[in-house]
């Protein structure tokens, strides 16, 4: 009902409903406002909804459906609209809440906050989206999420993961220790702890050069090759480390060295980060190696 141009307010018909509401709701909640120009209460509600859409700045999209348009009658019927204004919220392609009539602005805010993700959750989701391409930007969003909600284990684990990826091992270790204070660790946090312990062992054993020297003295000792793979991973030479692990598996598929190489490679693949195509390829190769 507003003539103002806003990226957060859209006109929807049955023709673009699938793309603008159902598909788009997988990324951001959609609030559908069924209205008509002859409806007095609609004229009361619309300005408040539009104001909140602007104020919430993209936390939800306001989709306006004019039921006077004959093409939209089937939409109104599909949502069981019997009177207007009628407002329905869609998230992940499914209705999550609705109401009929006019609510005062404070009640509208309360209604929105029942299903909209919190600022902390939005920061966390933004971090997840960034992690595959920009670890530093992801870290900024994860720290923001932790600041807003310092006790959420998902946020802390994500930040520990990114800190490790950035080579900030001390910060990663401190975050995992914070989680351990509860007396347990979630599986991903446990894997991060194992990665940190492996890196610590590499450092204490003398690093990459010492690992290569040890192999030169005893080239048939497969355990030394595993130590070298871990040292390579510590230096972020992930592909070389994975190739070495696969070579060990091929030589001792069902023996102790092969199993240890498999465990090391799984840790190395985790270190390669989410969204890594190389990691996905190496996971397939590792699985194939045991056929």
C-alpha atoms as a PDB file:
ATOM      1  CA  UNK A   1       0.000   0.000   0.000  1.00  0.00           C
ATOM      2  CA  UNK A   2       3.048   2.202   0.221  1.00  0.00           C
ATOM      3  CA  UNK A   3       4.513   3.791  -2.897  1.00  0.00           C
ATOM      4  CA  UNK A   4       8.008   3.934  -1.379  1.00  0.00           C
ATOM      5  CA  UNK A   5      10.707   1.782  -2.904  1.00  0.00           C
ATOM      6  CA  UNK A   6      12.238  -0.630  -0.412  1.00  0.00           C
ATOM      7  CA  UNK A   7      14.268  -3.806  -0.836  1.00  0.00           C
ATOM      8  CA  UNK A   8      12.399  -5.256   2.140  1.00  0.00           C
ATOM      9  CA  UNK A   9       8.845  -4.711   0.812  1.00  0.00           C
ATOM     10  CA  UNK A  10       7.649  -6.553  -2.285  1.00  0.00           C
ATOM     11  CA  UNK A  11       4.411  -7.076  -4.193  1.00  0.00           C
ATOM     12  CA  UNK A  12       3.540 -10.739  -4.625  1.00  0.00           C
ATOM     13  CA  UNK A  13       1.084 -12.544  -6.887  1.00  0.00           C
ATOM     14  CA  UNK A  14       0.415 -16.204  -7.529  1.00  0.00           C
ATOM     15  CA  UNK A  15       2.798 -15.956 -10.491  1.00  0.00           C
ATOM     16  CA  UNK A  16       5.909 -15.091  -8.449  1.00  0.00           C
ATOM     17  CA  UNK A  17       4.870 -16.625  -5.124  1.00  0.00           C
ATOM     18  CA  UNK A  18       7.096 -19.697  -5.510  1.00  0.00           C
ATOM     19  CA  UNK A  19      10.267 -17.687  -6.161  1.00  0.00           C
ATOM     20  CA  UNK A  20       9.636 -14.613  -3.986  1.00  0.00           C
ATOM     21  CA  UNK A  21       8.109 -16.348  -0.955  1.00  0.00           C
ATOM     22  CA  UNK A  22       8.657 -20.107  -0.831  1.00  0.00           C
ATOM     23  CA  UNK A  23      12.209 -20.209  -2.229  1.00  0.00           C
ATOM     24  CA  UNK A  24      13.325 -16.939  -0.661  1.00  0.00           C
ATOM     25  CA  UNK A  25      12.074 -18.001   2.774  1.00  0.00           C
ATOM     26  CA  UNK A  26      14.929 -20.493   2.992  1.00  0.00           C
ATOM     27  CA  UNK A  27      17.248 -17.488   3.411  1.00  0.00           C
ATOM     28  CA  UNK A  28      15.063 -14.994   5.279  1.00  0.00           C
ATOM     29  CA  UNK A  29      11.596 -15.130   6.892  1.00  0.00           C
ATOM     30  CA  UNK A  30       8.780 -13.753   4.736  1.00  0.00           C
ATOM     31  CA  UNK A  31       5.798 -11.940   6.264  1.00  0.00           C
ATOM     32  CA  UNK A  32       2.782 -12.032   3.917  1.00  0.00           C
ATOM     33  CA  UNK A  33       0.211  -9.266   4.261  1.00  0.00           C
ATOM     34  CA  UNK A  34      -3.130 -10.084   2.581  1.00  0.00           C
ATOM     35  CA  UNK A  35      -4.922  -6.773   2.016  1.00  0.00           C
ATOM     36  CA  UNK A  36      -7.355  -4.843  -0.181  1.00  0.00           C
ATOM     37  CA  UNK A  37      -7.773  -1.141  -0.917  1.00  0.00           C
ATOM     38  CA  UNK A  38     -11.350  -1.061   0.443  1.00  0.00           C
ATOM     39  CA  UNK A  39     -10.246  -2.528   3.823  1.00  0.00           C
ATOM     40  CA  UNK A  40     -10.002   0.138   6.548  1.00  0.00           C
ATOM     41  CA  UNK A  41      -8.144  -2.059   9.074  1.00  0.00           C
ATOM     42  CA  UNK A  42      -5.643  -2.950   6.294  1.00  0.00           C
ATOM     43  CA  UNK A  43      -4.837   0.755   6.001  1.00  0.00           C
ATOM     44  CA  UNK A  44      -4.150   0.859   9.746  1.00  0.00           C
ATOM     45  CA  UNK A  45      -1.921  -2.216   9.757  1.00  0.00           C
ATOM     46  CA  UNK A  46       0.059  -1.651   6.556  1.00  0.00           C
ATOM     47  CA  UNK A  47       2.043   1.429   7.663  1.00  0.00           C
ATOM     48  CA  UNK A  48       3.129  -0.343  10.854  1.00  0.00           C
ATOM     49  CA  UNK A  49       4.269  -3.450   8.979  1.00  0.00           C
ATOM     50  CA  UNK A  50       6.114  -1.334   6.421  1.00  0.00           C
ATOM     51  CA  UNK A  51       7.780   0.713   9.148  1.00  0.00           C
ATOM     52  CA  UNK A  52       8.967  -2.451  10.894  1.00  0.00           C
ATOM     53  CA  UNK A  53      10.211  -3.966   7.631  1.00  0.00           C
ATOM     54  CA  UNK A  54      12.410  -0.903   7.172  1.00  0.00           C
ATOM     55  CA  UNK A  55      13.499  -0.806  10.815  1.00  0.00           C
ATOM     56  CA  UNK A  56      14.391  -4.509  10.929  1.00  0.00           C
ATOM     57  CA  UNK A  57      16.573  -3.842   7.873  1.00  0.00           C
ATOM     58  CA  UNK A  58      16.329  -7.174   6.106  1.00  0.00           C
ATOM     59  CA  UNK A  59      15.646  -9.473   9.033  1.00  0.00           C
ATOM     60  CA  UNK A  60      12.366 -10.225   7.259  1.00  0.00           C
ATOM     61  CA  UNK A  61      10.764  -9.449   3.905  1.00  0.00           C
ATOM     62  CA  UNK A  62       7.242  -8.000   3.803  1.00  0.00           C
ATOM     63  CA  UNK A  63       5.329  -9.559   0.900  1.00  0.00           C
ATOM     64  CA  UNK A  64       2.075  -7.769   0.088  1.00  0.00           C
ATOM     65  CA  UNK A  65      -0.749  -9.716  -1.588  1.00  0.00           C
ATOM     66  CA  UNK A  66      -3.661  -7.671  -2.973  1.00  0.00           C
ATOM     67  CA  UNK A  67      -6.681  -9.988  -2.827  1.00  0.00           C
ATOM     68  CA  UNK A  68      -8.673  -7.626  -5.084  1.00  0.00           C
ATOM     69  CA  UNK A  69      -6.534  -8.932  -7.908  1.00  0.00           C
ATOM     70  CA  UNK A  70      -8.460 -11.998  -9.187  1.00  0.00           C
ATOM     71  CA  UNK A  71      -5.201 -13.827  -9.851  1.00  0.00           C
ATOM     72  CA  UNK A  72      -4.502 -13.840  -6.109  1.00  0.00           C
ATOM     73  CA  UNK A  73      -7.773 -15.478  -5.060  1.00  0.00           C
ATOM     74  CA  UNK A  74      -6.225 -18.936  -5.061  1.00  0.00           C
ATOM     75  CA  UNK A  75      -3.435 -17.694  -2.772  1.00  0.00           C
ATOM     76  CA  UNK A  76      -5.970 -16.369  -0.297  1.00  0.00           C
ATOM     77  CA  UNK A  77      -7.829 -19.664  -0.484  1.00  0.00           C
ATOM     78  CA  UNK A  78      -4.643 -21.700   0.015  1.00  0.00           C
ATOM     79  CA  UNK A  79      -3.918 -19.787   3.234  1.00  0.00           C
ATOM     80  CA  UNK A  80      -7.488 -20.033   4.464  1.00  0.00           C
ATOM     81  CA  UNK A  81      -7.984 -16.265   4.468  1.00  0.00           C
ATOM     82  CA  UNK A  82     -11.524 -15.544   5.651  1.00  0.00           C
ATOM     83  CA  UNK A  83     -11.084 -11.921   6.688  1.00  0.00           C
ATOM     84  CA  UNK A  84      -8.505  -9.228   6.163  1.00  0.00           C
ATOM     85  CA  UNK A  85      -6.041  -8.028   7.117  1.00  0.00           C
ATOM     86  CA  UNK A  86      -4.526 -11.481   7.418  1.00  0.00           C
ATOM     87  CA  UNK A  87      -0.791 -11.857   8.066  1.00  0.00           C
ATOM     88  CA  UNK A  88       1.228 -15.064   7.792  1.00  0.00           C
ATOM     89  CA  UNK A  89       4.936 -15.700   8.361  1.00  0.00           C
ATOM     90  CA  UNK A  90       6.826 -18.213   6.210  1.00  0.00           C
ATOM     91  CA  UNK A  91      10.228 -19.682   7.049  1.00  0.00           C
ATOM     92  CA  UNK A  92      12.030 -22.513   5.263  1.00  0.00           C
ATOM     93  CA  UNK A  93       9.065 -22.806   2.940  1.00  0.00           C
ATOM     94  CA  UNK A  94       6.564 -23.454   5.739  1.00  0.00           C
ATOM     95  CA  UNK A  95       4.061 -21.268   7.647  1.00  0.00           C
ATOM     96  CA  UNK A  96       5.323 -20.608  11.172  1.00  0.00           C
ATOM     97  CA  UNK A  97       2.810 -18.073  12.547  1.00  0.00           C
ATOM     98  CA  UNK A  98      -0.216 -16.001  11.540  1.00  0.00           C
ATOM     99  CA  UNK A  99      -2.847 -13.609  12.812  1.00  0.00           C
ATOM    100  CA  UNK A 100      -5.955 -11.815  11.543  1.00  0.00           C
ATOM    101  CA  UNK A 101      -6.954  -8.227  12.232  1.00  0.00           C
ATOM    102  CA  UNK A 102      -4.867  -5.332  13.506  1.00  0.00           C
ATOM    103  CA  UNK A 103      -2.242  -5.515  16.245  1.00  0.00           C
ATOM    104  CA  UNK A 104      -0.696  -2.446  17.890  1.00  0.00           C
ATOM    105  CA  UNK A 105       2.963  -1.930  17.115  1.00  0.00           C
ATOM    106  CA  UNK A 106       4.317  -3.350  20.422  1.00  0.00           C
ATOM    107  CA  UNK A 107       2.383  -6.563  19.811  1.00  0.00           C
ATOM    108  CA  UNK A 108       3.643  -6.708  16.226  1.00  0.00           C
ATOM    109  CA  UNK A 109       7.219  -6.499  17.489  1.00  0.00           C
ATOM    110  CA  UNK A 110       6.569  -9.274  19.987  1.00  0.00           C
ATOM    111  CA  UNK A 111       4.996 -11.410  17.264  1.00  0.00           C
ATOM    112  CA  UNK A 112       7.962 -10.890  14.925  1.00  0.00           C
ATOM    113  CA  UNK A 113      10.498 -11.704  17.611  1.00  0.00           C
ATOM    114  CA  UNK A 114       8.799 -15.068  18.223  1.00  0.00           C
ATOM    115  CA  UNK A 115      10.060 -16.457  14.916  1.00  0.00           C
ATOM    116  CA  UNK A 116      12.774 -14.116  13.646  1.00  0.00           C
ATOM    117  CA  UNK A 117      16.334 -15.267  14.335  1.00  0.00           C
ATOM    118  CA  UNK A 118      18.054 -13.290  17.070  1.00  0.00           C
ATOM    119  CA  UNK A 119      20.876 -10.866  16.162  1.00  0.00           C
ATOM    120  CA  UNK A 120      23.307 -13.411  17.604  1.00  0.00           C
ATOM    121  CA  UNK A 121      21.903 -16.168  15.402  1.00  0.00           C
ATOM    122  CA  UNK A 122      22.023 -13.918  12.357  1.00  0.00           C
ATOM    123  CA  UNK A 123      25.675 -13.130  13.031  1.00  0.00           C
ATOM    124  CA  UNK A 124      26.380 -16.845  13.401  1.00  0.00           C
ATOM    125  CA  UNK A 125      24.609 -17.681  10.123  1.00  0.00           C
ATOM    126  CA  UNK A 126      26.539 -14.910   8.386  1.00  0.00           C
ATOM    127  CA  UNK A 127      29.763 -16.397   9.718  1.00  0.00           C
ATOM    128  CA  UNK A 128      28.821 -19.823   8.362  1.00  0.00           C
ATOM    129  CA  UNK A 129      28.145 -18.324   4.938  1.00  0.00           C
ATOM    130  CA  UNK A 130      31.554 -16.596   4.927  1.00  0.00           C
ATOM    131  CA  UNK A 131      33.659 -19.393   6.330  1.00  0.00           C
ATOM    132  CA  UNK A 132      34.342 -21.206   3.062  1.00  0.00           C
ATOM    133  CA  UNK A 133      35.716 -18.086   1.362  1.00  0.00           C
ATOM    134  CA  UNK A 134      36.890 -15.598   4.018  1.00  0.00           C
ATOM    135  CA  UNK A 135      37.984 -16.898   7.416  1.00  0.00           C
ATOM    136  CA  UNK A 136      38.812 -13.448   8.795  1.00  0.00           C
ATOM    137  CA  UNK A 137      35.366 -12.078   7.913  1.00  0.00           C
ATOM    138  CA  UNK A 138      33.763 -15.196   9.375  1.00  0.00           C
ATOM    139  CA  UNK A 139      35.726 -14.669  12.589  1.00  0.00           C
ATOM    140  CA  UNK A 140      34.339 -11.140  12.894  1.00  0.00           C
ATOM    141  CA  UNK A 141      30.768 -12.438  12.700  1.00  0.00           C
ATOM    142  CA  UNK A 142      31.404 -15.352  15.081  1.00  0.00           C
ATOM    143  CA  UNK A 143      32.943 -13.003  17.652  1.00  0.00           C
ATOM    144  CA  UNK A 144      29.891 -10.796  17.301  1.00  0.00           C
ATOM    145  CA  UNK A 145      27.632 -13.794  17.937  1.00  0.00           C
ATOM    146  CA  UNK A 146      29.638 -14.769  21.033  1.00  0.00           C
ATOM    147  CA  UNK A 147      29.498 -11.226  22.362  1.00  0.00           C
ATOM    148  CA  UNK A 148      25.706 -11.262  22.030  1.00  0.00           C
ATOM    149  CA  UNK A 149      25.329 -14.778  23.442  1.00  0.00           C
ATOM    150  CA  UNK A 150      28.536 -15.910  25.174  1.00  0.00           C
ATOM    151  CA  UNK A 151      27.222 -19.300  26.321  1.00  0.00           C
ATOM    152  CA  UNK A 152      26.144 -20.817  23.005  1.00  0.00           C
ATOM    153  CA  UNK A 153      28.432 -23.783  22.332  1.00  0.00           C
ATOM    154  CA  UNK A 154      27.799 -23.601  18.561  1.00  0.00           C
ATOM    155  CA  UNK A 155      29.206 -20.086  18.405  1.00  0.00           C
ATOM    156  CA  UNK A 156      32.229 -20.937  20.529  1.00  0.00           C
ATOM    157  CA  UNK A 157      32.989 -24.079  18.529  1.00  0.00           C
ATOM    158  CA  UNK A 158      32.709 -22.200  15.240  1.00  0.00           C
ATOM    159  CA  UNK A 159      35.079 -19.500  16.482  1.00  0.00           C
ATOM    160  CA  UNK A 160      37.541 -22.153  17.703  1.00  0.00           C
ATOM    161  CA  UNK A 161      37.402 -23.801  14.291  1.00  0.00           C
ATOM    162  CA  UNK A 162      38.068 -20.549  12.442  1.00  0.00           C
ATOM    163  CA  UNK A 163      40.793 -19.488  14.878  1.00  0.00           C
ATOM    164  CA  UNK A 164      42.557 -22.771  14.204  1.00  0.00           C
ATOM    165  CA  UNK A 165      42.189 -22.222  10.468  1.00  0.00           C
ATOM    166  CA  UNK A 166      43.775 -18.791  10.859  1.00  0.00           C
ATOM    167  CA  UNK A 167      46.687 -20.250  12.790  1.00  0.00           C
ATOM    168  CA  UNK A 168      45.528 -18.731  16.078  1.00  0.00           C
ATOM    169  CA  UNK A 169      46.032 -21.944  18.008  1.00  0.00           C
ATOM    170  CA  UNK A 170      46.134 -20.369  21.453  1.00  0.00           C
ATOM    171  CA  UNK A 171      42.745 -18.707  21.016  1.00  0.00           C
ATOM    172  CA  UNK A 172      41.305 -21.926  19.628  1.00  0.00           C
ATOM    173  CA  UNK A 173      42.661 -23.898  22.583  1.00  0.00           C
ATOM    174  CA  UNK A 174      41.247 -21.399  25.106  1.00  0.00           C
ATOM    175  CA  UNK A 175      37.803 -21.609  23.506  1.00  0.00           C
ATOM    176  CA  UNK A 176      37.805 -25.405  23.642  1.00  0.00           C
ATOM    177  CA  UNK A 177      38.938 -25.267  27.276  1.00  0.00           C
ATOM    178  CA  UNK A 178      36.009 -22.962  28.012  1.00  0.00           C
ATOM    179  CA  UNK A 179      33.645 -25.544  26.562  1.00  0.00           C
ATOM    180  CA  UNK A 180      35.342 -28.315  28.566  1.00  0.00           C
ATOM    181  CA  UNK A 181      34.509 -26.494  31.789  1.00  0.00           C
ATOM    182  CA  UNK A 182      30.968 -27.848  31.368  1.00  0.00           C
ATOM    183  CA  UNK A 183      32.351 -31.367  31.766  1.00  0.00           C
ATOM    184  CA  UNK A 184      31.834 -32.503  28.169  1.00  0.00           C
ATOM    185  CA  UNK A 185      32.488 -31.597  24.539  1.00  0.00           C
ATOM    186  CA  UNK A 186      30.275 -31.892  21.494  1.00  0.00           C
ATOM    187  CA  UNK A 187      31.698 -34.138  18.714  1.00  0.00           C
ATOM    188  CA  UNK A 188      33.009 -31.256  16.603  1.00  0.00           C
ATOM    189  CA  UNK A 189      34.656 -29.608  19.599  1.00  0.00           C
ATOM    190  CA  UNK A 190      36.214 -32.966  20.478  1.00  0.00           C
ATOM    191  CA  UNK A 191      37.657 -33.192  16.957  1.00  0.00           C
ATOM    192  CA  UNK A 192      39.087 -29.699  17.286  1.00  0.00           C
ATOM    193  CA  UNK A 193      40.695 -30.694  20.568  1.00  0.00           C
ATOM    194  CA  UNK A 194      42.294 -33.692  18.832  1.00  0.00           C
ATOM    195  CA  UNK A 195      43.608 -31.427  16.056  1.00  0.00           C
ATOM    196  CA  UNK A 196      45.095 -29.055  18.612  1.00  0.00           C
ATOM    197  CA  UNK A 197      46.738 -31.926  20.466  1.00  0.00           C
ATOM    198  CA  UNK A 198      48.162 -33.249  17.189  1.00  0.00           C
ATOM    199  CA  UNK A 199      49.606 -29.829  16.387  1.00  0.00           C
ATOM    200  CA  UNK A 200      51.080 -29.594  19.853  1.00  0.00           C
ATOM    201  CA  UNK A 201      52.703 -33.015  19.444  1.00  0.00           C
ATOM    202  CA  UNK A 202      54.189 -31.925  16.118  1.00  0.00           C
ATOM    203  CA  UNK A 203      55.630 -28.812  17.712  1.00  0.00           C
ATOM    204  CA  UNK A 204      57.090 -30.756  20.631  1.00  0.00           C
ATOM    205  CA  UNK A 205      58.626 -33.343  18.292  1.00  0.00           C
ATOM    206  CA  UNK A 206      60.570 -30.705  16.378  1.00  0.00           C
ATOM    207  CA  UNK A 207      58.300 -29.931  13.465  1.00  0.00           C
ATOM    208  CA  UNK A 208      58.642 -30.627   9.766  1.00  0.00           C
ATOM    209  CA  UNK A 209      62.427 -30.715   9.488  1.00  0.00           C
ATOM    210  CA  UNK A 210      62.805 -33.176  12.357  1.00  0.00           C
ATOM    211  CA  UNK A 211      60.137 -35.405  10.803  1.00  0.00           C
ATOM    212  CA  UNK A 212      61.955 -35.486   7.460  1.00  0.00           C
ATOM    213  CA  UNK A 213      65.275 -36.179   9.154  1.00  0.00           C
ATOM    214  CA  UNK A 214      63.781 -39.079  11.105  1.00  0.00           C
ATOM    215  CA  UNK A 215      62.474 -40.680   7.909  1.00  0.00           C
ATOM    216  CA  UNK A 216      65.831 -40.331   6.190  1.00  0.00           C
ATOM    217  CA  UNK A 217      67.329 -42.372   9.024  1.00  0.00           C
ATOM    218  CA  UNK A 218      64.565 -45.000   8.983  1.00  0.00           C
ATOM    219  CA  UNK A 219      62.543 -44.814   5.750  1.00  0.00           C
ATOM    220  CA  UNK A 220      60.589 -48.043   6.343  1.00  0.00           C
ATOM    221  CA  UNK A 221      59.043 -46.938   9.643  1.00  0.00           C
ATOM    222  CA  UNK A 222      55.473 -46.029   8.642  1.00  0.00           C
ATOM    223  CA  UNK A 223      54.805 -44.354  11.993  1.00  0.00           C
ATOM    224  CA  UNK A 224      57.452 -41.779  11.093  1.00  0.00           C
ATOM    225  CA  UNK A 225      55.619 -41.112   7.825  1.00  0.00           C
ATOM    226  CA  UNK A 226      52.452 -40.440   9.828  1.00  0.00           C
ATOM    227  CA  UNK A 227      54.418 -37.990  11.971  1.00  0.00           C
ATOM    228  CA  UNK A 228      55.556 -36.294   8.760  1.00  0.00           C
ATOM    229  CA  UNK A 229      51.956 -36.089   7.492  1.00  0.00           C
ATOM    230  CA  UNK A 230      50.916 -34.380  10.712  1.00  0.00           C
ATOM    231  CA  UNK A 231      53.874 -31.996  10.462  1.00  0.00           C
ATOM    232  CA  UNK A 232      52.940 -31.151   6.870  1.00  0.00           C
ATOM    233  CA  UNK A 233      49.378 -30.425   7.976  1.00  0.00           C
ATOM    234  CA  UNK A 234      50.667 -28.155  10.725  1.00  0.00           C
ATOM    235  CA  UNK A 235      52.392 -26.160   7.974  1.00  0.00           C
ATOM    236  CA  UNK A 236      49.116 -26.163   5.968  1.00  0.00           C
ATOM    237  CA  UNK A 237      50.610 -28.428   3.322  1.00  0.00           C
ATOM    238  CA  UNK A 238      47.346 -30.340   3.339  1.00  0.00           C
ATOM    239  CA  UNK A 239      47.491 -32.015  -0.063  1.00  0.00           C
ATOM    240  CA  UNK A 240      50.976 -33.398   0.492  1.00  0.00           C
ATOM    241  CA  UNK A 241      49.901 -34.604   3.937  1.00  0.00           C
ATOM    242  CA  UNK A 242      46.810 -36.347   2.539  1.00  0.00           C
ATOM    243  CA  UNK A 243      48.752 -37.976  -0.274  1.00  0.00           C
ATOM    244  CA  UNK A 244      51.202 -39.320   2.280  1.00  0.00           C
ATOM    245  CA  UNK A 245      48.376 -40.713   4.437  1.00  0.00           C
ATOM    246  CA  UNK A 246      46.825 -42.427   1.415  1.00  0.00           C
ATOM    247  CA  UNK A 247      50.193 -43.959   0.578  1.00  0.00           C
ATOM    248  CA  UNK A 248      50.476 -45.356   4.117  1.00  0.00           C
ATOM    249  CA  UNK A 249      46.935 -46.763   3.905  1.00  0.00           C
ATOM    250  CA  UNK A 250      47.799 -48.471   0.619  1.00  0.00           C
ATOM    251  CA  UNK A 251      50.856 -50.107   2.227  1.00  0.00           C
ATOM    252  CA  UNK A 252      49.164 -51.194   5.473  1.00  0.00           C
ATOM    253  CA  UNK A 253      45.419 -51.033   4.767  1.00  0.00           C
ATOM    254  CA  UNK A 254      44.226 -53.120   7.702  1.00  0.00           C
ATOM    255  CA  UNK A 255      47.262 -52.809   9.943  1.00  0.00           C
ATOM    256  CA  UNK A 256      47.939 -50.377  12.801  1.00  0.00           C
ATOM    257  CA  UNK A 257      49.792 -47.881  10.615  1.00  0.00           C
ATOM    258  CA  UNK A 258      46.969 -47.844   8.085  1.00  0.00           C
ATOM    259  CA  UNK A 259      44.366 -47.191  10.782  1.00  0.00           C
ATOM    260  CA  UNK A 260      46.474 -44.468  12.364  1.00  0.00           C
ATOM    261  CA  UNK A 261      47.019 -42.860   8.956  1.00  0.00           C
ATOM    262  CA  UNK A 262      43.267 -42.911   8.377  1.00  0.00           C
ATOM    263  CA  UNK A 263      42.630 -41.183  11.715  1.00  0.00           C
ATOM    264  CA  UNK A 264      45.305 -38.580  10.965  1.00  0.00           C
ATOM    265  CA  UNK A 265      43.868 -37.934   7.522  1.00  0.00           C
ATOM    266  CA  UNK A 266      40.373 -37.413   8.929  1.00  0.00           C
ATOM    267  CA  UNK A 267      41.793 -34.765  11.268  1.00  0.00           C
ATOM    268  CA  UNK A 268      43.686 -33.156   8.390  1.00  0.00           C
ATOM    269  CA  UNK A 269      40.528 -33.035   6.255  1.00  0.00           C
ATOM    270  CA  UNK A 270      38.730 -31.259   9.096  1.00  0.00           C
ATOM    271  CA  UNK A 271      41.590 -28.753   9.225  1.00  0.00           C
ATOM    272  CA  UNK A 272      41.112 -27.977   5.530  1.00  0.00           C
ATOM    273  CA  UNK A 273      37.881 -26.205   6.450  1.00  0.00           C
ATOM    274  CA  UNK A 274      34.254 -26.293   5.502  1.00  0.00           C
ATOM    275  CA  UNK A 275      33.425 -26.077   1.845  1.00  0.00           C
ATOM    276  CA  UNK A 276      36.859 -27.241   0.706  1.00  0.00           C
ATOM    277  CA  UNK A 277      36.496 -29.044  -2.623  1.00  0.00           C
ATOM    278  CA  UNK A 278      39.915 -30.608  -2.134  1.00  0.00           C
ATOM    279  CA  UNK A 279      38.818 -32.024   1.202  1.00  0.00           C
ATOM    280  CA  UNK A 280      35.710 -33.530  -0.405  1.00  0.00           C
ATOM    281  CA  UNK A 281      37.853 -35.143  -3.086  1.00  0.00           C
ATOM    282  CA  UNK A 282      40.270 -36.567  -0.547  1.00  0.00           C
ATOM    283  CA  UNK A 283      37.392 -37.914   1.574  1.00  0.00           C
ATOM    284  CA  UNK A 284      36.184 -39.873  -1.455  1.00  0.00           C
ATOM    285  CA  UNK A 285      39.694 -41.151  -2.124  1.00  0.00           C
ATOM    286  CA  UNK A 286      40.096 -42.229   1.498  1.00  0.00           C
ATOM    287  CA  UNK A 287      36.810 -44.118   1.408  1.00  0.00           C
ATOM    288  CA  UNK A 288      37.779 -45.770  -1.877  1.00  0.00           C
ATOM    289  CA  UNK A 289      41.135 -46.830  -0.441  1.00  0.00           C
ATOM    290  CA  UNK A 290      39.400 -49.242   1.936  1.00  0.00           C
ATOM    291  CA  UNK A 291      37.362 -51.033  -0.743  1.00  0.00           C
END
